[in-house]
PDB file of N, CA and C in Angstrom:
ATOM      1  N   MET A   1       9.551   1.321 -29.777  1.00  0.00           N
ATOM      2  CA  MET A   1       9.320   1.617 -31.164  1.00  0.00           C
ATOM      3  C   MET A   1       9.142   3.128 -31.289  1.00  0.00           C
ATOM      4  N   ARG A   2       9.852   3.748 -32.205  1.00  0.00           N
ATOM      5  CA  ARG A   2       9.727   5.181 -32.443  1.00  0.00           C
ATOM      6  C   ARG A   2       8.906   5.400 -33.709  1.00  0.00           C
ATOM      7  N   THR A   3       8.115   6.454 -33.681  1.00  0.00           N
ATOM      8  CA  THR A   3       7.320   6.779 -34.856  1.00  0.00           C
ATOM      9  C   THR A   3       8.096   7.758 -35.713  1.00  0.00           C
ATOM     10  N   LYS A   4       7.479   8.196 -36.820  1.00  0.00           N
ATOM     11  CA  LYS A   4       8.188   9.098 -37.725  1.00  0.00           C
ATOM     12  C   LYS A   4       8.504  10.440 -37.087  1.00  0.00           C
ATOM     13  N   ASP A   5       7.752  10.835 -36.035  1.00  0.00           N
ATOM     14  CA  ASP A   5       8.084  12.090 -35.365  1.00  0.00           C
ATOM     15  C   ASP A   5       9.108  11.870 -34.254  1.00  0.00           C
ATOM     16  N   ASN A   6       9.715  10.680 -34.209  1.00  0.00           N
ATOM     17  CA  ASN A   6      10.825  10.358 -33.309  1.00  0.00           C
ATOM     18  C   ASN A   6      10.443  10.365 -31.824  1.00  0.00           C
ATOM     19  N   VAL A   7       9.204  10.057 -31.514  1.00  0.00           N
ATOM     20  CA  VAL A   7       8.752   9.972 -30.123  1.00  0.00           C
ATOM     21  C   VAL A   7       8.442   8.510 -29.827  1.00  0.00           C
ATOM     22  N   ILE A   8       8.932   8.025 -28.706  1.00  0.00           N
ATOM     23  CA  ILE A   8       8.681   6.633 -28.304  1.00  0.00           C
ATOM     24  C   ILE A   8       7.185   6.450 -28.066  1.00  0.00           C
ATOM     25  N   LYS A   9       6.606   5.378 -28.581  1.00  0.00           N
ATOM     26  CA  LYS A   9       5.180   5.096 -28.409  1.00  0.00           C
ATOM     27  C   LYS A   9       4.924   3.831 -27.601  1.00  0.00           C
ATOM     28  N   GLU A  10       5.804   2.853 -27.712  1.00  0.00           N
ATOM     29  CA  GLU A  10       5.641   1.622 -26.933  1.00  0.00           C
ATOM     30  C   GLU A  10       6.958   0.860 -26.875  1.00  0.00           C
ATOM     31  N   PHE A  11       7.102   0.101 -25.792  1.00  0.00           N
ATOM     32  CA  PHE A  11       8.269  -0.758 -25.621  1.00  0.00           C
ATOM     33  C   PHE A  11       7.993  -1.701 -24.470  1.00  0.00           C
ATOM     34  N   GLU A  12       8.865  -2.643 -24.278  1.00  0.00           N
ATOM     35  CA  GLU A  12       8.760  -3.576 -23.151  1.00  0.00           C
ATOM     36  C   GLU A  12      10.141  -3.740 -22.544  1.00  0.00           C
ATOM     37  N   PHE A  13      10.155  -4.119 -21.270  1.00  0.00           N
ATOM     38  CA  PHE A  13      11.430  -4.340 -20.591  1.00  0.00           C
ATOM     39  C   PHE A  13      11.213  -5.287 -19.425  1.00  0.00           C
ATOM     40  N   VAL A  14      12.311  -5.830 -18.911  1.00  0.00           N
ATOM     41  CA  VAL A  14      12.272  -6.746 -17.777  1.00  0.00           C
ATOM     42  C   VAL A  14      13.038  -6.100 -16.630  1.00  0.00           C
ATOM     43  N   ASP A  15      12.447  -6.109 -15.446  1.00  0.00           N
ATOM     44  CA  ASP A  15      13.101  -5.604 -14.245  1.00  0.00           C
ATOM     45  C   ASP A  15      12.757  -6.532 -13.098  1.00  0.00           C
ATOM     46  N   ALA A  16      13.775  -6.988 -12.385  1.00  0.00           N
ATOM     47  CA  ALA A  16      13.603  -7.869 -11.222  1.00  0.00           C
ATOM     48  C   ALA A  16      12.724  -9.077 -11.559  1.00  0.00           C
ATOM     49  N   GLY A  17      12.894  -9.627 -12.765  1.00  0.00           N
ATOM     50  CA  GLY A  17      12.140 -10.804 -13.164  1.00  0.00           C
ATOM     51  C   GLY A  17      10.714 -10.520 -13.602  1.00  0.00           C
ATOM     52  N   ARG A  18      10.333  -9.254 -13.646  1.00  0.00           N
ATOM     53  CA  ARG A  18       8.976  -8.884 -14.070  1.00  0.00           C
ATOM     54  C   ARG A  18       9.064  -8.237 -15.449  1.00  0.00           C
ATOM     55  N   LYS A  19       8.184  -8.656 -16.354  1.00  0.00           N
ATOM     56  CA  LYS A  19       8.172  -8.094 -17.701  1.00  0.00           C
ATOM     57  C   LYS A  19       7.077  -7.034 -17.786  1.00  0.00           C
ATOM     58  N   PHE A  20       7.474  -5.834 -18.173  1.00  0.00           N
ATOM     59  CA  PHE A  20       6.569  -4.695 -18.292  1.00  0.00           C
ATOM     60  C   PHE A  20       6.304  -4.412 -19.768  1.00  0.00           C
ATOM     61  N   PHE A  21       5.041  -4.141 -20.105  1.00  0.00           N
ATOM     62  CA  PHE A  21       4.653  -3.719 -21.444  1.00  0.00           C
ATOM     63  C   PHE A  21       4.154  -2.280 -21.321  1.00  0.00           C
ATOM     64  N   CYS A  22       4.787  -1.356 -22.022  1.00  0.00           N
ATOM     65  CA  CYS A  22       4.480   0.067 -21.896  1.00  0.00           C
ATOM     66  C   CYS A  22       4.010   0.620 -23.231  1.00  0.00           C
ATOM     67  N   SER A  23       3.035   1.519 -23.186  1.00  0.00           N
ATOM     68  CA  SER A  23       2.562   2.165 -24.407  1.00  0.00           C
ATOM     69  C   SER A  23       1.948   3.517 -24.075  1.00  0.00           C
ATOM     70  N   VAL A  24       1.952   4.391 -25.078  1.00  0.00           N
ATOM     71  CA  VAL A  24       1.331   5.707 -24.954  1.00  0.00           C
ATOM     72  C   VAL A  24      -0.045   5.614 -25.579  1.00  0.00           C
ATOM     73  N   GLU A  25      -1.043   6.116 -24.877  1.00  0.00           N
ATOM     74  CA  GLU A  25      -2.403   6.121 -25.408  1.00  0.00           C
ATOM     75  C   GLU A  25      -3.006   7.495 -25.203  1.00  0.00           C
ATOM     76  N   THR A  26      -3.745   7.934 -26.199  1.00  0.00           N
ATOM     77  CA  THR A  26      -4.443   9.208 -26.114  1.00  0.00           C
ATOM     78  C   THR A  26      -5.890   8.922 -25.744  1.00  0.00           C
ATOM     79  N   PRO A  27      -6.401   9.573 -24.696  1.00  0.00           N
ATOM     80  CA  PRO A  27      -7.806   9.351 -24.319  1.00  0.00           C
ATOM     81  C   PRO A  27      -8.754   9.737 -25.456  1.00  0.00           C
ATOM     82  N   LYS A  28      -9.916   9.126 -25.474  1.00  0.00           N
ATOM     83  CA  LYS A  28     -10.898   9.390 -26.532  1.00  0.00           C
ATOM     84  C   LYS A  28     -11.511  10.780 -26.428  1.00  0.00           C
ATOM     85  N   GLN A  29     -11.479  11.366 -25.215  1.00  0.00           N
ATOM     86  CA  GLN A  29     -12.034  12.697 -25.043  1.00  0.00           C
ATOM     87  C   GLN A  29     -11.119  13.711 -25.719  1.00  0.00           C
ATOM     88  N   ALA A  30     -11.714  14.618 -26.471  1.00  0.00           N
ATOM     89  CA  ALA A  30     -10.932  15.614 -27.209  1.00  0.00           C
ATOM     90  C   ALA A  30     -10.185  16.533 -26.243  1.00  0.00           C
ATOM     91  N   GLY A  31      -8.953  16.856 -26.613  1.00  0.00           N
ATOM     92  CA  GLY A  31      -8.173  17.812 -25.846  1.00  0.00           C
ATOM     93  C   GLY A  31      -7.387  17.233 -24.692  1.00  0.00           C
ATOM     94  N   MET A  32      -7.543  15.956 -24.412  1.00  0.00           N
ATOM     95  CA  MET A  32      -6.802  15.360 -23.297  1.00  0.00           C
ATOM     96  C   MET A  32      -5.437  14.897 -23.792  1.00  0.00           C
ATOM     97  N   PRO A  33      -4.401  15.079 -22.972  1.00  0.00           N
ATOM     98  CA  PRO A  33      -3.055  14.690 -23.394  1.00  0.00           C
ATOM     99  C   PRO A  33      -2.873  13.169 -23.336  1.00  0.00           C
ATOM    100  N   PRO A  34      -1.896  12.652 -24.074  1.00  0.00           N
ATOM    101  CA  PRO A  34      -1.612  11.211 -24.007  1.00  0.00           C
ATOM    102  C   PRO A  34      -0.950  10.837 -22.684  1.00  0.00           C
ATOM    103  N   TRP A  35      -1.156   9.591 -22.266  1.00  0.00           N
ATOM    104  CA  TRP A  35      -0.595   9.083 -21.014  1.00  0.00           C
ATOM    105  C   TRP A  35       0.164   7.800 -21.277  1.00  0.00           C
ATOM    106  N   TRP A  36       1.175   7.553 -20.458  1.00  0.00           N
ATOM    107  CA  TRP A  36       1.870   6.276 -20.485  1.00  0.00           C
ATOM    108  C   TRP A  36       1.036   5.262 -19.724  1.00  0.00           C
ATOM    109  N   TRP A  37       0.847   4.105 -20.301  1.00  0.00           N
ATOM    110  CA  TRP A  37       0.166   2.983 -19.672  1.00  0.00           C
ATOM    111  C   TRP A  37       1.153   1.830 -19.587  1.00  0.00           C
ATOM    112  N   PHE A  38       1.001   1.007 -18.561  1.00  0.00           N
ATOM    113  CA  PHE A  38       1.799  -0.214 -18.520  1.00  0.00           C
ATOM    114  C   PHE A  38       1.008  -1.320 -17.857  1.00  0.00           C
ATOM    115  N   ARG A  39       1.422  -2.539 -18.174  1.00  0.00           N
ATOM    116  CA  ARG A  39       0.875  -3.735 -17.546  1.00  0.00           C
ATOM    117  C   ARG A  39       2.024  -4.711 -17.396  1.00  0.00           C
ATOM    118  N   LEU A  40       1.829  -5.672 -16.534  1.00  0.00           N
ATOM    119  CA  LEU A  40       2.850  -6.691 -16.329  1.00  0.00           C
ATOM    120  C   LEU A  40       2.417  -7.998 -16.973  1.00  0.00           C
ATOM    121  N   GLU A  41       3.393  -8.811 -17.291  1.00  0.00           N
ATOM    122  CA  GLU A  41       3.115 -10.124 -17.857  1.00  0.00           C
ATOM    123  C   GLU A  41       2.819 -11.089 -16.714  1.00  0.00           C
ATOM    124  N   THR A  42       1.601 -10.991 -16.170  1.00  0.00           N
ATOM    125  CA  THR A  42       1.219 -11.833 -15.042  1.00  0.00           C
ATOM    126  C   THR A  42      -0.051 -12.619 -15.322  1.00  0.00           C
ATOM    127  N   GLY A  43      -0.669 -12.369 -16.459  1.00  0.00           N
ATOM    128  CA  GLY A  43      -1.938 -13.013 -16.742  1.00  0.00           C
ATOM    129  C   GLY A  43      -3.114 -12.163 -16.294  1.00  0.00           C
ATOM    130  N   GLU A  44      -2.849 -11.163 -15.456  1.00  0.00           N
ATOM    131  CA  GLU A  44      -3.909 -10.252 -15.028  1.00  0.00           C
ATOM    132  C   GLU A  44      -4.122  -9.190 -16.103  1.00  0.00           C
ATOM    133  N   SER A  45      -5.289  -8.602 -16.102  1.00  0.00           N
ATOM    134  CA  SER A  45      -5.573  -7.565 -17.097  1.00  0.00           C
ATOM    135  C   SER A  45      -5.425  -6.157 -16.517  1.00  0.00           C
ATOM    136  N   THR A  46      -4.892  -6.034 -15.309  1.00  0.00           N
ATOM    137  CA  THR A  46      -4.738  -4.726 -14.677  1.00  0.00           C
ATOM    138  C   THR A  46      -3.706  -3.901 -15.431  1.00  0.00           C
ATOM    139  N   ARG A  47      -4.103  -2.653 -15.735  1.00  0.00           N
ATOM    140  CA  ARG A  47      -3.190  -1.722 -16.377  1.00  0.00           C
ATOM    141  C   ARG A  47      -3.094  -0.476 -15.517  1.00  0.00           C
ATOM    142  N   TYR A  48      -1.986   0.223 -15.628  1.00  0.00           N
ATOM    143  CA  TYR A  48      -1.748   1.425 -14.837  1.00  0.00           C
ATOM    144  C   TYR A  48      -1.380   2.571 -15.775  1.00  0.00           C
ATOM    145  N   ALA A  49      -1.823   3.767 -15.443  1.00  0.00           N
ATOM    146  CA  ALA A  49      -1.484   4.973 -16.202  1.00  0.00           C
ATOM    147  C   ALA A  49      -0.841   5.954 -15.232  1.00  0.00           C
ATOM    148  N   PRO A  50       0.462   5.844 -15.001  1.00  0.00           N
ATOM    149  CA  PRO A  50       1.088   6.625 -13.941  1.00  0.00           C
ATOM    150  C   PRO A  50       1.411   8.075 -14.263  1.00  0.00           C
ATOM    151  N   PHE A  51       1.574   8.443 -15.537  1.00  0.00           N
ATOM    152  CA  PHE A  51       1.951   9.817 -15.830  1.00  0.00           C
ATOM    153  C   PHE A  51       1.712  10.168 -17.292  1.00  0.00           C
ATOM    154  N   GLU A  52       1.662  11.474 -17.561  1.00  0.00           N
ATOM    155  CA  GLU A  52       1.477  11.983 -18.920  1.00  0.00           C
ATOM    156  C   GLU A  52       2.700  11.694 -19.778  1.00  0.00           C
ATOM    157  N   ALA A  53       2.451  11.485 -21.051  1.00  0.00           N
ATOM    158  CA  ALA A  53       3.549  11.302 -21.994  1.00  0.00           C
ATOM    159  C   ALA A  53       4.085  12.672 -22.403  1.00  0.00           C
ATOM    160  N   SER A  54       5.359  12.700 -22.714  1.00  0.00           N
ATOM    161  CA  SER A  54       6.017  13.941 -23.119  1.00  0.00           C
ATOM    162  C   SER A  54       6.871  13.667 -24.347  1.00  0.00           C
ATOM    163  N   GLU A  55       7.082  14.683 -25.146  1.00  0.00           N
ATOM    164  CA  GLU A  55       7.935  14.537 -26.321  1.00  0.00           C
ATOM    165  C   GLU A  55       9.383  14.263 -25.916  1.00  0.00           C
ATOM    166  N   LYS A  56       9.743  14.627 -24.704  1.00  0.00           N
ATOM    167  CA  LYS A  56      11.115  14.459 -24.214  1.00  0.00           C
ATOM    168  C   LYS A  56      11.351  13.082 -23.600  1.00  0.00           C
ATOM    169  N   ASP A  57      10.321  12.253 -23.522  1.00  0.00           N
ATOM    170  CA  ASP A  57      10.468  10.934 -22.909  1.00  0.00           C
ATOM    171  C   ASP A  57      11.461  10.078 -23.690  1.00  0.00           C
ATOM    172  N   THR A  58      12.284   9.375 -22.941  1.00  0.00           N
ATOM    173  CA  THR A  58      13.172   8.371 -23.527  1.00  0.00           C
ATOM    174  C   THR A  58      12.804   7.040 -22.902  1.00  0.00           C
ATOM    175  N   LYS A  59      13.262   5.985 -23.506  1.00  0.00           N
ATOM    176  CA  LYS A  59      12.970   4.656 -22.964  1.00  0.00           C
ATOM    177  C   LYS A  59      13.480   4.562 -21.528  1.00  0.00           C
ATOM    178  N   GLN A  60      14.689   5.072 -21.279  1.00  0.00           N
ATOM    179  CA  GLN A  60      15.279   4.989 -19.951  1.00  0.00           C
ATOM    180  C   GLN A  60      14.498   5.829 -18.935  1.00  0.00           C
ATOM    181  N   SER A  61      14.080   7.039 -19.321  1.00  0.00           N
ATOM    182  CA  SER A  61      13.362   7.891 -18.370  1.00  0.00           C
ATOM    183  C   SER A  61      11.995   7.306 -18.024  1.00  0.00           C
ATOM    184  N   VAL A  62      11.302   6.787 -19.021  1.00  0.00           N
ATOM    185  CA  VAL A  62       9.987   6.180 -18.780  1.00  0.00           C
ATOM    186  C   VAL A  62      10.149   4.910 -17.955  1.00  0.00           C
ATOM    187  N   GLN A  63      11.142   4.108 -18.297  1.00  0.00           N
ATOM    188  CA  GLN A  63      11.371   2.864 -17.571  1.00  0.00           C
ATOM    189  C   GLN A  63      11.656   3.138 -16.096  1.00  0.00           C
ATOM    190  N   SER A  64      12.505   4.102 -15.793  1.00  0.00           N
ATOM    191  CA  SER A  64      12.824   4.381 -14.387  1.00  0.00           C
ATOM    192  C   SER A  64      11.609   4.925 -13.643  1.00  0.00           C
ATOM    193  N   ARG A  65      10.798   5.746 -14.304  1.00  0.00           N
ATOM    194  CA  ARG A  65       9.586   6.268 -13.650  1.00  0.00           C
ATOM    195  C   ARG A  65       8.572   5.155 -13.398  1.00  0.00           C
ATOM    196  N   ILE A  66       8.429   4.245 -14.349  1.00  0.00           N
ATOM    197  CA  ILE A  66       7.480   3.137 -14.185  1.00  0.00           C
ATOM    198  C   ILE A  66       7.940   2.207 -13.067  1.00  0.00           C
ATOM    199  N   ILE A  67       9.229   1.909 -13.009  1.00  0.00           N
ATOM    200  CA  ILE A  67       9.748   1.045 -11.942  1.00  0.00           C
ATOM    201  C   ILE A  67       9.514   1.701 -10.586  1.00  0.00           C
ATOM    202  N   ALA A  68       9.804   2.990 -10.472  1.00  0.00           N
ATOM    203  CA  ALA A  68       9.595   3.696  -9.199  1.00  0.00           C
ATOM    204  C   ALA A  68       8.110   3.679  -8.816  1.00  0.00           C
ATOM    205  N   TYR A  69       7.236   3.919  -9.788  1.00  0.00           N
ATOM    206  CA  TYR A  69       5.794   3.911  -9.537  1.00  0.00           C
ATOM    207  C   TYR A  69       5.346   2.530  -9.055  1.00  0.00           C
ATOM    208  N   TYR A  70       5.791   1.482  -9.740  1.00  0.00           N
ATOM    209  CA  TYR A  70       5.362   0.133  -9.380  1.00  0.00           C
ATOM    210  C   TYR A  70       5.923  -0.298  -8.026  1.00  0.00           C
ATOM    211  N   GLU A  71       7.166   0.062  -7.740  1.00  0.00           N
ATOM    212  CA  GLU A  71       7.750  -0.251  -6.433  1.00  0.00           C
ATOM    213  C   GLU A  71       6.951   0.421  -5.318  1.00  0.00           C
ATOM    214  N   ASN A  72       6.508   1.645  -5.567  1.00  0.00           N
ATOM    215  CA  ASN A  72       5.682   2.353  -4.584  1.00  0.00           C
ATOM    216  C   ASN A  72       4.341   1.637  -4.388  1.00  0.00           C
ATOM    217  N   LEU A  73       3.735   1.161  -5.481  1.00  0.00           N
ATOM    218  CA  LEU A  73       2.493   0.392  -5.356  1.00  0.00           C
ATOM    219  C   LEU A  73       2.702  -0.858  -4.499  1.00  0.00           C
ATOM    220  N   LEU A  74       3.815  -1.550  -4.723  1.00  0.00           N
ATOM    221  CA  LEU A  74       4.103  -2.752  -3.938  1.00  0.00           C
ATOM    222  C   LEU A  74       4.314  -2.418  -2.465  1.00  0.00           C
ATOM    223  N   ALA A  75       4.976  -1.295  -2.183  1.00  0.00           N
ATOM    224  CA  ALA A  75       5.206  -0.886  -0.792  1.00  0.00           C
ATOM    225  C   ALA A  75       3.885  -0.558  -0.108  1.00  0.00           C
ATOM    226  N   ILE A  76       2.996   0.102  -0.813  1.00  0.00           N
ATOM    227  CA  ILE A  76       1.681   0.430  -0.252  1.00  0.00           C
ATOM    228  C   ILE A  76       0.896  -0.847   0.030  1.00  0.00           C
ATOM    229  N   ALA A  77       0.922  -1.778  -0.900  1.00  0.00           N
ATOM    230  CA  ALA A  77       0.184  -3.036  -0.722  1.00  0.00           C
ATOM    231  C   ALA A  77       0.745  -3.868   0.423  1.00  0.00           C
ATOM    232  N   ALA A  78       2.033  -3.723   0.715  1.00  0.00           N
ATOM    233  CA  ALA A  78       2.658  -4.511   1.782  1.00  0.00           C
ATOM    234  C   ALA A  78       2.392  -3.954   3.171  1.00  0.00           C
ATOM    235  N   ARG A  79       1.932  -2.711   3.250  1.00  0.00           N
ATOM    236  CA  ARG A  79       1.653  -2.129   4.570  1.00  0.00           C
ATOM    237  C   ARG A  79       0.481  -2.843   5.226  1.00  0.00           C
ATOM    238  N   PRO A  80       0.524  -2.967   6.548  1.00  0.00           N
ATOM    239  CA  PRO A  80      -0.638  -3.560   7.218  1.00  0.00           C
ATOM    240  C   PRO A  80      -1.826  -2.609   7.124  1.00  0.00           C
ATOM    241  N   ALA A  81      -2.987  -3.183   7.037  1.00  0.00           N
ATOM    242  CA  ALA A  81      -4.199  -2.372   6.947  1.00  0.00           C
ATOM    243  C   ALA A  81      -4.467  -1.695   8.285  1.00  0.00           C
ATOM    244  N   TYR A  82      -4.854  -0.438   8.231  1.00  0.00           N
ATOM    245  CA  TYR A  82      -5.193   0.293   9.447  1.00  0.00           C
ATOM    246  C   TYR A  82      -6.586  -0.135   9.880  1.00  0.00           C
ATOM    247  N   GLN A  83      -6.710  -0.632  11.093  1.00  0.00           N
ATOM    248  CA  GLN A  83      -8.000  -1.053  11.628  1.00  0.00           C
ATOM    249  C   GLN A  83      -8.578   0.067  12.465  1.00  0.00           C
ATOM    250  N   ARG A  84      -9.627   0.664  11.988  1.00  0.00           N
ATOM    251  CA  ARG A  84     -10.279   1.719  12.757  1.00  0.00           C
ATOM    252  C   ARG A  84     -11.025   1.102  13.932  1.00  0.00           C
ATOM    253  N   PRO A  85     -11.023   1.799  15.059  1.00  0.00           N
ATOM    254  CA  PRO A  85     -11.830   1.284  16.165  1.00  0.00           C
ATOM    255  C   PRO A  85     -13.310   1.390  15.807  1.00  0.00           C
ATOM    256  N   ALA A  86     -14.115   0.521  16.399  1.00  0.00           N
ATOM    257  CA  ALA A  86     -15.543   0.538  16.130  1.00  0.00           C
ATOM    258  C   ALA A  86     -16.142   1.869  16.586  1.00  0.00           C
ATOM    259  N   TRP A  87     -17.033   2.401  15.781  1.00  0.00           N
ATOM    260  CA  TRP A  87     -17.647   3.678  16.118  1.00  0.00           C
ATOM    261  C   TRP A  87     -18.640   3.468  17.246  1.00  0.00           C
ATOM    262  N   LYS A  88     -18.656   4.407  18.170  1.00  0.00           N
ATOM    263  CA  LYS A  88     -19.679   4.388  19.216  1.00  0.00           C
ATOM    264  C   LYS A  88     -20.076   5.828  19.504  1.00  0.00           C
ATOM    265  N   LYS A  89     -21.263   5.978  19.991  1.00  0.00           N
ATOM    266  CA  LYS A  89     -21.775   7.304  20.283  1.00  0.00           C
ATOM    267  C   LYS A  89     -20.928   7.928  21.399  1.00  0.00           C
ATOM    268  N   PRO A  90     -20.506   9.187  21.220  1.00  0.00           N
ATOM    269  CA  PRO A  90     -19.700   9.815  22.266  1.00  0.00           C
ATOM    270  C   PRO A  90     -20.465   9.874  23.582  1.00  0.00           C
ATOM    271  N   GLU A  91     -19.746   9.658  24.664  1.00  0.00           N
ATOM    272  CA  GLU A  91     -20.389   9.707  25.975  1.00  0.00           C
ATOM    273  C   GLU A  91     -20.629  11.161  26.364  1.00  0.00           C
ATOM    274  N   ARG A  92     -21.756  11.374  27.018  1.00  0.00           N
ATOM    275  CA  ARG A  92     -22.112  12.715  27.471  1.00  0.00           C
ATOM    276  C   ARG A  92     -21.361  12.996  28.765  1.00  0.00           C
ATOM    277  N   PRO A  93     -20.697  14.151  28.846  1.00  0.00           N
ATOM    278  CA  PRO A  93     -19.990  14.447  30.100  1.00  0.00           C
ATOM    279  C   PRO A  93     -20.986  14.573  31.251  1.00  0.00           C
ATOM    280  N   ALA A  94     -20.569  14.135  32.427  1.00  0.00           N
ATOM    281  CA  ALA A  94     -21.431  14.186  33.613  1.00  0.00           C
ATOM    282  C   ALA A  94     -21.677  15.649  33.995  1.00  0.00           C
ATOM    283  N   GLN A  95     -22.924  15.947  34.296  1.00  0.00           N
ATOM    284  CA  GLN A  95     -23.323  17.289  34.718  1.00  0.00           C
ATOM    285  C   GLN A  95     -23.420  17.306  36.243  1.00  0.00           C
ATOM    286  N   PRO A  96     -23.146  18.451  36.856  1.00  0.00           N
ATOM    287  CA  PRO A  96     -23.316  18.523  38.311  1.00  0.00           C
ATOM    288  C   PRO A  96     -24.763  18.173  38.678  1.00  0.00           C
ATOM    289  N   GLY A  97     -24.911  17.362  39.672  1.00  0.00           N
ATOM    290  CA  GLY A  97     -26.245  16.971  40.118  1.00  0.00           C
ATOM    291  C   GLY A  97     -26.700  15.654  39.523  1.00  0.00           C
ATOM    292  N   ASP A  98     -26.010  15.156  38.491  1.00  0.00           N
ATOM    293  CA  ASP A  98     -26.384  13.863  37.921  1.00  0.00           C
ATOM    294  C   ASP A  98     -26.008  12.768  38.907  1.00  0.00           C
ATOM    295  N   PRO A  99     -26.839  11.717  39.008  1.00  0.00           N
ATOM    296  CA  PRO A  99     -26.473  10.618  39.909  1.00  0.00           C
ATOM    297  C   PRO A  99     -25.258   9.875  39.360  1.00  0.00           C
ATOM    298  N   ILE A 100     -24.439   9.393  40.244  1.00  0.00           N
ATOM    299  CA  ILE A 100     -23.259   8.617  39.850  1.00  0.00           C
ATOM    300  C   ILE A 100     -23.725   7.202  39.551  1.00  0.00           C
ATOM    301  N   PRO A 101     -23.376   6.685  38.370  1.00  0.00           N
ATOM    302  CA  PRO A 101     -23.838   5.334  38.040  1.00  0.00           C
ATOM    303  C   PRO A 101     -23.208   4.311  38.977  1.00  0.00           C
ATOM    304  N   ALA A 102     -24.023   3.347  39.342  1.00  0.00           N
ATOM    305  CA  ALA A 102     -23.538   2.296  40.243  1.00  0.00           C
ATOM    306  C   ALA A 102     -22.643   1.349  39.464  1.00  0.00           C
ATOM    307  N   THR A 103     -21.559   0.953  40.091  1.00  0.00           N
ATOM    308  CA  THR A 103     -20.683  -0.008  39.467  1.00  0.00           C
ATOM    309  C   THR A 103     -21.090  -1.385  39.923  1.00  0.00           C
ATOM    310  N   PRO A 104     -21.198  -2.306  39.019  1.00  0.00           N
ATOM    311  CA  PRO A 104     -21.621  -3.647  39.427  1.00  0.00           C
ATOM    312  C   PRO A 104     -20.514  -4.292  40.274  1.00  0.00           C
ATOM    313  N   LEU A 105     -20.946  -4.926  41.332  1.00  0.00           N
ATOM    314  CA  LEU A 105     -20.011  -5.622  42.203  1.00  0.00           C
ATOM    315  C   LEU A 105     -19.926  -7.076  41.786  1.00  0.00           C
ATOM    316  N   GLY A 106     -18.754  -7.604  41.936  1.00  0.00           N
ATOM    317  CA  GLY A 106     -18.567  -9.017  41.607  1.00  0.00           C
ATOM    318  C   GLY A 106     -19.186  -9.875  42.673  1.00  0.00           C
ATOM    319  N   PRO A 107     -19.168 -11.181  42.475  1.00  0.00           N
ATOM    320  CA  PRO A 107     -19.733 -12.080  43.495  1.00  0.00           C
ATOM    321  C   PRO A 107     -18.970 -11.949  44.804  1.00  0.00           C
ATOM    322  N   THR A 108     -19.699 -11.915  45.864  1.00  0.00           N
ATOM    323  CA  THR A 108     -19.060 -11.795  47.193  1.00  0.00           C
ATOM    324  C   THR A 108     -19.142 -13.151  47.885  1.00  0.00           C
ATOM    325  N   THR A 109     -18.137 -13.396  48.626  1.00  0.00           N
ATOM    326  CA  THR A 109     -18.121 -14.642  49.399  1.00  0.00           C
ATOM    327  C   THR A 109     -17.883 -14.279  50.848  1.00  0.00           C
ATOM    328  N   SER A 110     -18.534 -14.934  51.693  1.00  0.00           N
ATOM    329  CA  SER A 110     -18.325 -14.667  53.125  1.00  0.00           C
ATOM    330  C   SER A 110     -17.623 -15.872  53.709  1.00  0.00           C
ATOM    331  N   VAL A 111     -16.815 -15.570  54.656  1.00  0.00           N
ATOM    332  CA  VAL A 111     -16.027 -16.637  55.269  1.00  0.00           C
ATOM    333  C   VAL A 111     -16.559 -16.973  56.616  1.00  0.00           C
TER     334      VAL A 111
END
């Protein structure tokens, strides 16, 4: 939908079976620029604000940027989670003169 100043304010489109609802919103704080927001028709209430709105935006340019942004989100979510090793206190380097710790011996059997 275009307003009287000929700038796109909202639209919807379907890509890869997903329906996107896009709109421009101006933050309530004075002096902040408007941003593009979008959500998907999934029943979830999650919305995303990927970039600032511009007077030069067209439906096609916004649509391609939103698709690229969402595809990147999906790629990030598909990555395996990095498992950090458990933290442990760093070992103190052995000093000259320190006794060598005894290594435990396994069970011995005599024949």
